[in-house]
Amino acid sequence: EYERLHSAERFRLGKLRKAREGHVVTSQAPYGYDYIPKQGGKHGYYKINEAEAEVIKMIFSWVGEKGFTIRKVILELKKLDIKPKSSERGVWSSSTLTRLLHNQTYIGIAHFNRTKAIVPKKPLLEKKYKRITKTSRIIRDPEKWISIYVPAILDKGLFGRVQKQLDQNSQR
C-alpha cells in the first residue's frame, strides 16, 4: 500500500515537471488534433488534424458569426453527417460541444493541472468498500493551471466572439 501511494506521487510529480517544461501531458488529443506519442528523444505533441480542424472552424464560425445555439450546431453537424471522434452512438452531445467551444487549446494554449479529484458530496451509489474514493472533479484556481503552447487552429478574435455568444445564449 505504501509503495503504491509512493509510486502514484512520483508519477504525479513527473507529470507536473513535464508540463512545466512545456510538454504535452496527455494520451488523448481534443477534436481537431492528433496526439503524436513520444518517439526517440522527442516528447509527445499535438499535430493539427486538417479534416477535423475544418470542422472546428465551421463550428466556431456558426456560433461566433451566425449566432447559432448548441442545439442548432448539433442539427447542422447531423445534416452534414459529421461524427465526433469518440462516441458510441456517433452523435454529438451538447456537453461535448460546450466543452469544445470553451477549450482554449484551439487558440494555442492547452492547460494541465486544471482540475482536482475530490470525494463526491452526493455520490450516486453508496459503496462501503471503494478502492478509489475521489471520483468527482473540481476546477482549480486559474493561477495553478500550467499553460502549454500548442499549434493554434483559431484566432483569438473568433474565440472571444464565441464566448460572448455563448454567454448571450445562456441568458436567454
N, C-alpha and C. Protein backbone atom coordinates (compact mmCIF):
# COMPACT_ATOMS: atom_id res chain seq x y z
N GLU A 1 0.83 -1.20 0.00
CA GLU A 1 0.00 0.00 0.00
C GLU A 1 0.87 1.26 0.00
N TYR A 2 1.91 1.24 0.84
CA TYR A 2 2.81 2.39 0.91
C TYR A 2 3.50 2.60 -0.43
N GLU A 3 3.98 1.52 -1.03
CA GLU A 3 4.69 1.63 -2.31
C GLU A 3 3.76 2.11 -3.42
N ARG A 4 2.50 1.68 -3.39
CA ARG A 4 1.53 2.12 -4.39
C ARG A 4 1.33 3.63 -4.27
N LEU A 5 1.15 4.15 -3.06
CA LEU A 5 0.98 5.59 -2.85
C LEU A 5 2.24 6.36 -3.24
N HIS A 6 3.39 5.83 -2.89
CA HIS A 6 4.66 6.48 -3.20
C HIS A 6 4.87 6.53 -4.72
N SER A 7 4.54 5.45 -5.40
CA SER A 7 4.67 5.39 -6.86
C SER A 7 3.71 6.37 -7.54
N ALA A 8 2.47 6.46 -7.06
CA ALA A 8 1.49 7.39 -7.61
C ALA A 8 1.97 8.83 -7.46
N GLU A 9 2.56 9.16 -6.31
CA GLU A 9 3.08 10.51 -6.07
C GLU A 9 4.24 10.82 -7.02
N ARG A 10 5.12 9.85 -7.26
CA ARG A 10 6.24 10.05 -8.20
C ARG A 10 5.72 10.31 -9.61
N PHE A 11 4.69 9.58 -10.03
CA PHE A 11 4.09 9.79 -11.35
C PHE A 11 3.50 11.20 -11.46
N ARG A 12 2.78 11.61 -10.40
CA ARG A 12 2.16 12.93 -10.39
C ARG A 12 3.21 14.03 -10.49
N LEU A 13 4.29 13.92 -9.70
CA LEU A 13 5.35 14.92 -9.74
C LEU A 13 6.06 14.94 -11.09
N GLY A 14 6.23 13.77 -11.70
CA GLY A 14 6.85 13.69 -13.02
C GLY A 14 6.01 14.37 -14.09
N LYS A 15 4.69 14.19 -14.03
CA LYS A 15 3.79 14.85 -14.98
C LYS A 15 3.82 16.35 -14.80
N LEU A 16 3.83 16.82 -13.55
CA LEU A 16 3.91 18.26 -13.28
C LEU A 16 5.20 18.85 -13.85
N ARG A 17 6.32 18.17 -13.63
CA ARG A 17 7.61 18.64 -14.15
C ARG A 17 7.58 18.71 -15.67
N LYS A 18 7.05 17.68 -16.28
CA LYS A 18 6.98 17.63 -17.75
C LYS A 18 6.11 18.76 -18.29
N ALA A 19 4.98 19.04 -17.64
CA ALA A 19 4.09 20.12 -18.07
C ALA A 19 4.76 21.48 -17.89
N ARG A 20 5.47 21.67 -16.77
CA ARG A 20 6.16 22.95 -16.53
C ARG A 20 7.25 23.19 -17.56
N GLU A 21 7.80 22.12 -18.12
CA GLU A 21 8.82 22.25 -19.17
C GLU A 21 8.18 22.54 -20.53
N GLY A 22 6.83 22.55 -20.59
CA GLY A 22 6.13 22.90 -21.82
C GLY A 22 5.76 21.73 -22.70
N HIS A 23 5.82 20.52 -22.17
CA HIS A 23 5.48 19.33 -22.95
C HIS A 23 4.03 18.93 -22.71
N VAL A 24 3.39 18.40 -23.75
CA VAL A 24 2.00 17.94 -23.64
C VAL A 24 1.97 16.69 -22.77
N VAL A 25 1.09 16.69 -21.76
CA VAL A 25 0.94 15.55 -20.86
C VAL A 25 -0.48 15.03 -21.03
N THR A 26 -0.66 14.10 -21.95
CA THR A 26 -1.98 13.53 -22.21
C THR A 26 -1.81 12.27 -23.03
N SER A 27 -2.88 11.56 -23.22
CA SER A 27 -2.85 10.41 -24.12
C SER A 27 -3.90 10.58 -25.21
N GLN A 28 -4.85 11.50 -24.99
CA GLN A 28 -5.90 11.71 -25.97
C GLN A 28 -6.00 13.20 -26.29
N ALA A 29 -5.91 13.51 -27.57
CA ALA A 29 -5.97 14.90 -28.01
C ALA A 29 -7.41 15.34 -28.21
N PRO A 30 -7.69 16.65 -28.07
CA PRO A 30 -9.04 17.14 -28.34
C PRO A 30 -9.36 17.03 -29.84
N TYR A 31 -10.65 17.12 -30.15
CA TYR A 31 -11.09 17.06 -31.54
C TYR A 31 -10.36 18.15 -32.32
N GLY A 32 -9.82 17.82 -33.48
CA GLY A 32 -9.07 18.78 -34.28
C GLY A 32 -7.58 18.55 -34.22
N TYR A 33 -7.15 17.72 -33.29
CA TYR A 33 -5.73 17.42 -33.12
C TYR A 33 -5.51 15.92 -33.09
N ASP A 34 -4.30 15.51 -33.43
CA ASP A 34 -3.85 14.14 -33.23
C ASP A 34 -2.70 14.21 -32.24
N TYR A 35 -2.66 13.28 -31.29
CA TYR A 35 -1.56 13.22 -30.34
C TYR A 35 -0.49 12.31 -30.92
N ILE A 36 0.70 12.84 -31.10
CA ILE A 36 1.83 12.06 -31.58
C ILE A 36 2.65 11.68 -30.34
N PRO A 37 2.69 10.38 -29.98
CA PRO A 37 3.38 9.99 -28.74
C PRO A 37 4.90 10.16 -28.83
N LYS A 38 5.53 10.05 -27.68
CA LYS A 38 6.99 10.20 -27.57
C LYS A 38 7.69 9.22 -28.51
N GLN A 39 8.63 9.77 -29.28
CA GLN A 39 9.41 8.93 -30.21
C GLN A 39 10.87 9.31 -30.07
N GLY A 40 11.68 8.32 -29.74
CA GLY A 40 13.11 8.61 -29.56
C GLY A 40 13.31 9.60 -28.43
N GLY A 41 13.98 10.71 -28.70
CA GLY A 41 14.22 11.72 -27.69
C GLY A 41 13.19 12.84 -27.72
N LYS A 42 12.25 12.78 -28.66
CA LYS A 42 11.26 13.86 -28.80
C LYS A 42 10.00 13.54 -27.99
N HIS A 43 9.56 14.51 -27.19
CA HIS A 43 8.37 14.33 -26.36
C HIS A 43 7.11 14.30 -27.22
N GLY A 44 6.01 13.78 -26.66
CA GLY A 44 4.74 13.75 -27.36
C GLY A 44 4.23 15.17 -27.61
N TYR A 45 3.45 15.34 -28.68
CA TYR A 45 2.95 16.67 -29.04
C TYR A 45 1.65 16.55 -29.81
N TYR A 46 0.95 17.69 -29.96
CA TYR A 46 -0.27 17.75 -30.74
C TYR A 46 0.07 18.16 -32.17
N LYS A 47 -0.56 17.49 -33.12
CA LYS A 47 -0.44 17.85 -34.53
C LYS A 47 -1.86 18.13 -35.02
N ILE A 48 -2.03 19.20 -35.78
CA ILE A 48 -3.36 19.55 -36.28
C ILE A 48 -3.83 18.50 -37.28
N ASN A 49 -5.04 17.99 -37.07
CA ASN A 49 -5.69 17.08 -38.00
C ASN A 49 -6.52 17.97 -38.94
N GLU A 50 -6.09 18.13 -40.17
CA GLU A 50 -6.67 19.12 -41.08
C GLU A 50 -8.17 18.92 -41.30
N ALA A 51 -8.62 17.69 -41.46
CA ALA A 51 -10.05 17.44 -41.69
C ALA A 51 -10.88 17.87 -40.48
N GLU A 52 -10.44 17.48 -39.28
CA GLU A 52 -11.15 17.86 -38.06
C GLU A 52 -11.02 19.36 -37.78
N ALA A 53 -9.90 19.96 -38.15
CA ALA A 53 -9.70 21.39 -37.93
C ALA A 53 -10.70 22.21 -38.75
N GLU A 54 -11.03 21.74 -39.95
CA GLU A 54 -12.04 22.42 -40.77
C GLU A 54 -13.41 22.38 -40.09
N VAL A 55 -13.72 21.26 -39.45
CA VAL A 55 -14.99 21.13 -38.71
C VAL A 55 -14.98 22.10 -37.53
N ILE A 56 -13.86 22.19 -36.82
CA ILE A 56 -13.74 23.11 -35.68
C ILE A 56 -13.97 24.55 -36.15
N LYS A 57 -13.33 24.94 -37.24
CA LYS A 57 -13.51 26.30 -37.77
C LYS A 57 -14.97 26.55 -38.14
N MET A 58 -15.61 25.54 -38.72
CA MET A 58 -17.00 25.65 -39.11
C MET A 58 -17.89 25.85 -37.87
N ILE A 59 -17.68 25.03 -36.85
CA ILE A 59 -18.49 25.11 -35.62
C ILE A 59 -18.32 26.49 -34.97
N PHE A 60 -17.08 26.95 -34.84
CA PHE A 60 -16.84 28.25 -34.20
C PHE A 60 -17.42 29.39 -35.03
N SER A 61 -17.36 29.29 -36.35
CA SER A 61 -17.93 30.37 -37.18
C SER A 61 -19.46 30.37 -37.09
N TRP A 62 -20.07 29.18 -36.98
CA TRP A 62 -21.52 29.12 -36.83
C TRP A 62 -21.96 29.85 -35.56
N VAL A 63 -21.24 29.60 -34.48
CA VAL A 63 -21.63 30.20 -33.19
C VAL A 63 -21.21 31.67 -33.13
N GLY A 64 -19.96 31.96 -33.50
CA GLY A 64 -19.43 33.31 -33.35
C GLY A 64 -19.92 34.31 -34.37
N GLU A 65 -20.21 33.86 -35.60
CA GLU A 65 -20.60 34.79 -36.65
C GLU A 65 -22.08 34.70 -37.00
N LYS A 66 -22.66 33.51 -36.90
CA LYS A 66 -24.07 33.35 -37.25
C LYS A 66 -24.98 33.28 -36.03
N GLY A 67 -24.40 33.21 -34.83
CA GLY A 67 -25.20 33.21 -33.61
C GLY A 67 -25.94 31.92 -33.33
N PHE A 68 -25.45 30.79 -33.84
CA PHE A 68 -26.11 29.51 -33.61
C PHE A 68 -26.08 29.14 -32.13
N THR A 69 -27.11 28.41 -31.71
CA THR A 69 -27.11 27.80 -30.38
C THR A 69 -26.44 26.43 -30.51
N ILE A 70 -26.16 25.82 -29.38
CA ILE A 70 -25.51 24.50 -29.41
C ILE A 70 -26.42 23.47 -30.05
N ARG A 71 -27.71 23.55 -29.78
CA ARG A 71 -28.66 22.60 -30.40
C ARG A 71 -28.70 22.76 -31.91
N LYS A 72 -28.62 23.99 -32.38
CA LYS A 72 -28.61 24.25 -33.83
C LYS A 72 -27.32 23.69 -34.45
N VAL A 73 -26.20 23.82 -33.74
CA VAL A 73 -24.93 23.26 -34.22
C VAL A 73 -25.04 21.74 -34.34
N ILE A 74 -25.67 21.10 -33.34
CA ILE A 74 -25.85 19.64 -33.37
C ILE A 74 -26.66 19.24 -34.60
N LEU A 75 -27.73 19.98 -34.89
CA LEU A 75 -28.56 19.68 -36.07
C LEU A 75 -27.77 19.84 -37.37
N GLU A 76 -26.96 20.89 -37.45
CA GLU A 76 -26.15 21.11 -38.66
C GLU A 76 -25.12 20.00 -38.85
N LEU A 77 -24.46 19.59 -37.76
CA LEU A 77 -23.48 18.51 -37.85
C LEU A 77 -24.14 17.20 -38.26
N LYS A 78 -25.36 16.98 -37.76
CA LYS A 78 -26.09 15.77 -38.13
C LYS A 78 -26.46 15.81 -39.62
N LYS A 79 -26.90 17.00 -40.10
CA LYS A 79 -27.24 17.15 -41.52
C LYS A 79 -26.05 16.86 -42.41
N LEU A 80 -24.86 17.35 -41.98
CA LEU A 80 -23.64 17.14 -42.77
C LEU A 80 -23.00 15.78 -42.52
N ASP A 81 -23.62 14.98 -41.65
CA ASP A 81 -23.13 13.63 -41.29
C ASP A 81 -21.68 13.66 -40.78
N ILE A 82 -21.40 14.63 -39.89
CA ILE A 82 -20.09 14.74 -39.26
C ILE A 82 -20.20 14.13 -37.87
N LYS A 83 -19.41 13.10 -37.63
CA LYS A 83 -19.48 12.38 -36.36
C LYS A 83 -18.33 12.80 -35.44
N PRO A 84 -18.56 12.74 -34.12
CA PRO A 84 -17.48 13.06 -33.17
C PRO A 84 -16.39 12.00 -33.19
N LYS A 85 -15.25 12.34 -32.61
CA LYS A 85 -14.10 11.44 -32.61
C LYS A 85 -14.40 10.13 -31.87
N SER A 86 -14.96 10.25 -30.69
CA SER A 86 -15.26 9.04 -29.91
C SER A 86 -16.65 9.15 -29.30
N SER A 87 -17.56 8.38 -29.88
CA SER A 87 -18.93 8.35 -29.38
C SER A 87 -19.51 7.01 -29.77
N GLU A 88 -20.13 6.35 -28.81
CA GLU A 88 -20.70 5.03 -29.10
C GLU A 88 -21.84 5.14 -30.10
N ARG A 89 -22.66 6.18 -29.97
CA ARG A 89 -23.81 6.34 -30.87
C ARG A 89 -23.48 7.14 -32.13
N GLY A 90 -22.32 7.80 -32.15
CA GLY A 90 -21.95 8.61 -33.30
C GLY A 90 -22.72 9.92 -33.38
N VAL A 91 -23.15 10.43 -32.22
CA VAL A 91 -23.95 11.65 -32.15
C VAL A 91 -23.25 12.65 -31.24
N TRP A 92 -23.26 13.93 -31.64
CA TRP A 92 -22.68 14.99 -30.81
C TRP A 92 -23.62 15.27 -29.65
N SER A 93 -23.08 15.43 -28.45
CA SER A 93 -23.90 15.81 -27.30
C SER A 93 -23.67 17.28 -27.00
N SER A 94 -24.62 17.89 -26.33
CA SER A 94 -24.49 19.31 -26.02
C SER A 94 -23.34 19.56 -25.05
N SER A 95 -23.10 18.63 -24.13
CA SER A 95 -21.98 18.81 -23.19
C SER A 95 -20.63 18.73 -23.90
N THR A 96 -20.51 17.86 -24.89
CA THR A 96 -19.28 17.75 -25.66
C THR A 96 -19.02 19.04 -26.42
N LEU A 97 -20.04 19.58 -27.07
CA LEU A 97 -19.88 20.82 -27.81
C LEU A 97 -19.61 22.00 -26.90
N THR A 98 -20.22 22.03 -25.73
CA THR A 98 -19.97 23.12 -24.78
C THR A 98 -18.51 23.10 -24.34
N ARG A 99 -17.99 21.92 -24.00
CA ARG A 99 -16.58 21.80 -23.63
C ARG A 99 -15.69 22.21 -24.79
N LEU A 100 -16.02 21.78 -25.99
CA LEU A 100 -15.23 22.09 -27.18
C LEU A 100 -15.18 23.60 -27.41
N LEU A 101 -16.33 24.28 -27.27
CA LEU A 101 -16.40 25.72 -27.53
C LEU A 101 -15.71 26.55 -26.45
N HIS A 102 -15.48 25.98 -25.27
CA HIS A 102 -14.78 26.71 -24.21
C HIS A 102 -13.29 26.34 -24.14
N ASN A 103 -12.85 25.38 -24.95
CA ASN A 103 -11.49 24.85 -24.87
C ASN A 103 -10.49 25.82 -25.49
N GLN A 104 -9.56 26.34 -24.68
CA GLN A 104 -8.56 27.30 -25.16
C GLN A 104 -7.45 26.64 -25.97
N THR A 105 -7.44 25.33 -26.05
CA THR A 105 -6.43 24.66 -26.87
C THR A 105 -6.52 25.13 -28.32
N TYR A 106 -7.72 25.45 -28.78
CA TYR A 106 -7.91 25.85 -30.17
C TYR A 106 -7.28 27.20 -30.50
N ILE A 107 -6.96 28.01 -29.49
CA ILE A 107 -6.24 29.26 -29.75
C ILE A 107 -4.76 29.12 -29.38
N GLY A 108 -4.33 27.89 -29.12
CA GLY A 108 -2.91 27.61 -28.93
C GLY A 108 -2.44 27.46 -27.49
N ILE A 109 -3.37 27.40 -26.52
CA ILE A 109 -2.98 27.28 -25.12
C ILE A 109 -3.71 26.09 -24.48
N ALA A 110 -2.98 24.99 -24.31
CA ALA A 110 -3.54 23.83 -23.60
C ALA A 110 -3.21 24.01 -22.12
N HIS A 111 -4.03 23.44 -21.24
CA HIS A 111 -3.79 23.58 -19.80
C HIS A 111 -3.63 22.22 -19.15
N PHE A 112 -2.72 22.16 -18.22
CA PHE A 112 -2.53 20.98 -17.38
C PHE A 112 -2.76 21.41 -15.95
N ASN A 113 -3.17 20.49 -15.09
CA ASN A 113 -3.43 20.77 -13.67
C ASN A 113 -4.65 21.67 -13.50
N ARG A 114 -5.62 21.55 -14.41
CA ARG A 114 -6.82 22.37 -14.39
C ARG A 114 -7.84 21.90 -13.36
N THR A 115 -7.89 20.59 -13.15
CA THR A 115 -8.89 20.04 -12.24
C THR A 115 -8.23 19.26 -11.10
N LYS A 116 -9.03 19.01 -10.09
CA LYS A 116 -8.56 18.29 -8.91
C LYS A 116 -9.59 17.22 -8.56
N ALA A 117 -9.13 16.02 -8.24
CA ALA A 117 -10.03 14.93 -7.85
C ALA A 117 -10.46 15.12 -6.40
N ILE A 118 -11.76 14.93 -6.15
CA ILE A 118 -12.30 15.05 -4.80
C ILE A 118 -13.29 13.92 -4.54
N VAL A 119 -13.59 13.71 -3.28
CA VAL A 119 -14.62 12.75 -2.89
C VAL A 119 -15.97 13.43 -3.14
N PRO A 120 -16.91 12.79 -3.84
CA PRO A 120 -18.19 13.45 -4.14
C PRO A 120 -19.01 13.72 -2.87
N LYS A 121 -19.69 14.88 -2.86
CA LYS A 121 -20.52 15.24 -1.71
C LYS A 121 -21.82 14.44 -1.70
N LYS A 122 -22.37 14.20 -2.90
CA LYS A 122 -23.60 13.42 -3.02
C LYS A 122 -23.37 12.30 -4.04
N PRO A 123 -22.74 11.19 -3.63
CA PRO A 123 -22.46 10.12 -4.58
C PRO A 123 -23.73 9.45 -5.09
N LEU A 124 -23.69 9.01 -6.34
CA LEU A 124 -24.84 8.33 -6.92
C LEU A 124 -25.07 6.97 -6.27
N LEU A 125 -23.97 6.28 -6.01
CA LEU A 125 -24.06 4.97 -5.37
C LEU A 125 -23.24 4.99 -4.09
N GLU A 126 -23.84 4.48 -3.02
CA GLU A 126 -23.12 4.36 -1.75
C GLU A 126 -22.44 3.00 -1.69
N LYS A 127 -21.13 2.99 -1.85
CA LYS A 127 -20.37 1.74 -1.72
C LYS A 127 -19.47 1.87 -0.51
N LYS A 128 -19.50 0.87 0.33
CA LYS A 128 -18.70 0.92 1.55
C LYS A 128 -17.22 0.72 1.26
N TYR A 129 -16.91 -0.18 0.35
CA TYR A 129 -15.51 -0.54 0.13
C TYR A 129 -15.10 -0.16 -1.29
N LYS A 130 -14.81 1.12 -1.46
CA LYS A 130 -14.35 1.59 -2.77
C LYS A 130 -12.84 1.72 -2.75
N ARG A 131 -12.21 1.25 -3.79
CA ARG A 131 -10.76 1.40 -3.88
C ARG A 131 -10.41 2.85 -4.19
N ILE A 132 -11.16 3.46 -5.11
CA ILE A 132 -10.94 4.86 -5.47
C ILE A 132 -12.10 5.65 -4.91
N THR A 133 -11.82 6.57 -4.00
CA THR A 133 -12.89 7.34 -3.36
C THR A 133 -13.08 8.71 -4.02
N LYS A 134 -12.02 9.25 -4.63
CA LYS A 134 -12.11 10.58 -5.24
C LYS A 134 -12.58 10.44 -6.68
N THR A 135 -13.91 10.39 -6.86
CA THR A 135 -14.46 10.14 -8.19
C THR A 135 -15.08 11.38 -8.84
N SER A 136 -15.06 12.52 -8.15
CA SER A 136 -15.56 13.77 -8.73
C SER A 136 -14.39 14.71 -8.98
N ARG A 137 -14.61 15.72 -9.82
CA ARG A 137 -13.54 16.67 -10.12
C ARG A 137 -14.06 18.09 -9.96
N ILE A 138 -13.18 18.97 -9.50
CA ILE A 138 -13.49 20.40 -9.44
C ILE A 138 -12.38 21.15 -10.17
N ILE A 139 -12.70 22.35 -10.63
CA ILE A 139 -11.71 23.17 -11.34
C ILE A 139 -10.88 23.93 -10.32
N ARG A 140 -9.57 23.89 -10.50
CA ARG A 140 -8.65 24.61 -9.60
C ARG A 140 -8.67 26.10 -9.93
N ASP A 141 -8.02 26.89 -9.09
CA ASP A 141 -7.84 28.31 -9.37
C ASP A 141 -6.98 28.45 -10.63
N PRO A 142 -7.34 29.38 -11.54
CA PRO A 142 -6.58 29.52 -12.80
C PRO A 142 -5.09 29.80 -12.61
N GLU A 143 -4.67 30.40 -11.49
CA GLU A 143 -3.23 30.65 -11.30
C GLU A 143 -2.45 29.36 -11.05
N LYS A 144 -3.13 28.25 -10.74
CA LYS A 144 -2.46 26.97 -10.54
C LYS A 144 -2.37 26.15 -11.83
N TRP A 145 -3.06 26.61 -12.88
CA TRP A 145 -3.01 25.91 -14.16
C TRP A 145 -1.63 26.07 -14.77
N ILE A 146 -1.21 25.07 -15.51
CA ILE A 146 0.06 25.14 -16.24
C ILE A 146 -0.28 25.24 -17.73
N SER A 147 0.17 26.33 -18.36
CA SER A 147 -0.11 26.55 -19.78
C SER A 147 0.94 25.87 -20.64
N ILE A 148 0.47 25.19 -21.67
CA ILE A 148 1.34 24.52 -22.62
C ILE A 148 0.96 25.03 -24.00
N TYR A 149 1.93 25.54 -24.73
CA TYR A 149 1.64 26.14 -26.04
C TYR A 149 1.66 25.08 -27.13
N VAL A 150 0.59 25.06 -27.91
CA VAL A 150 0.38 24.08 -28.98
C VAL A 150 0.01 24.83 -30.27
N PRO A 151 0.00 24.17 -31.43
CA PRO A 151 -0.41 24.86 -32.66
C PRO A 151 -1.87 25.32 -32.57
N ALA A 152 -2.13 26.54 -32.96
CA ALA A 152 -3.49 27.11 -32.89
C ALA A 152 -4.27 26.79 -34.16
N ILE A 153 -5.56 26.52 -34.00
CA ILE A 153 -6.47 26.30 -35.13
C ILE A 153 -7.25 27.58 -35.42
N LEU A 154 -7.57 28.34 -34.35
CA LEU A 154 -8.41 29.55 -34.48
C LEU A 154 -7.65 30.79 -34.04
N ASP A 155 -8.17 31.96 -34.45
CA ASP A 155 -7.61 33.20 -33.93
C ASP A 155 -8.38 33.60 -32.67
N LYS A 156 -7.75 34.43 -31.84
CA LYS A 156 -8.35 34.81 -30.55
C LYS A 156 -9.61 35.65 -30.71
N GLY A 157 -9.72 36.41 -31.81
CA GLY A 157 -10.90 37.23 -32.03
C GLY A 157 -12.16 36.39 -32.17
N LEU A 158 -12.10 35.35 -33.01
CA LEU A 158 -13.25 34.47 -33.20
C LEU A 158 -13.58 33.74 -31.90
N PHE A 159 -12.56 33.29 -31.19
CA PHE A 159 -12.77 32.59 -29.92
C PHE A 159 -13.50 33.51 -28.93
N GLY A 160 -13.10 34.78 -28.86
CA GLY A 160 -13.74 35.74 -27.97
C GLY A 160 -15.20 35.99 -28.35
N ARG A 161 -15.47 36.09 -29.67
CA ARG A 161 -16.86 36.28 -30.13
C ARG A 161 -17.73 35.09 -29.75
N VAL A 162 -17.16 33.89 -29.84
CA VAL A 162 -17.90 32.68 -29.48
C VAL A 162 -18.23 32.70 -27.99
N GLN A 163 -17.28 33.11 -27.14
CA GLN A 163 -17.54 33.16 -25.70
C GLN A 163 -18.65 34.15 -25.37
N LYS A 164 -18.66 35.30 -26.05
CA LYS A 164 -19.73 36.28 -25.85
C LYS A 164 -21.08 35.71 -26.28
N GLN A 165 -21.10 35.04 -27.44
CA GLN A 165 -22.35 34.47 -27.95
C GLN A 165 -22.87 33.38 -27.01
N LEU A 166 -21.96 32.56 -26.47
CA LEU A 166 -22.39 31.52 -25.52
C LEU A 166 -22.98 32.13 -24.26
N ASP A 167 -22.40 33.24 -23.80
CA ASP A 167 -22.97 33.94 -22.64
C ASP A 167 -24.37 34.46 -22.96
N GLN A 168 -24.52 35.05 -24.14
CA GLN A 168 -25.86 35.55 -24.55
C GLN A 168 -26.86 34.41 -24.66
N ASN A 169 -26.43 33.29 -25.25
CA ASN A 169 -27.32 32.14 -25.40
C ASN A 169 -27.76 31.60 -24.03
N SER A 170 -26.84 31.59 -23.05
CA SER A 170 -27.19 31.05 -21.74
C SER A 170 -28.13 31.99 -20.98
N GLN A 171 -28.11 33.29 -21.29
CA GLN A 171 -29.01 34.22 -20.62
C GLN A 171 -30.42 34.16 -21.15
N ARG A 172 -30.57 33.66 -22.38
CA ARG A 172 -31.92 33.57 -22.97
C ARG A 172 -32.71 32.49 -22.35
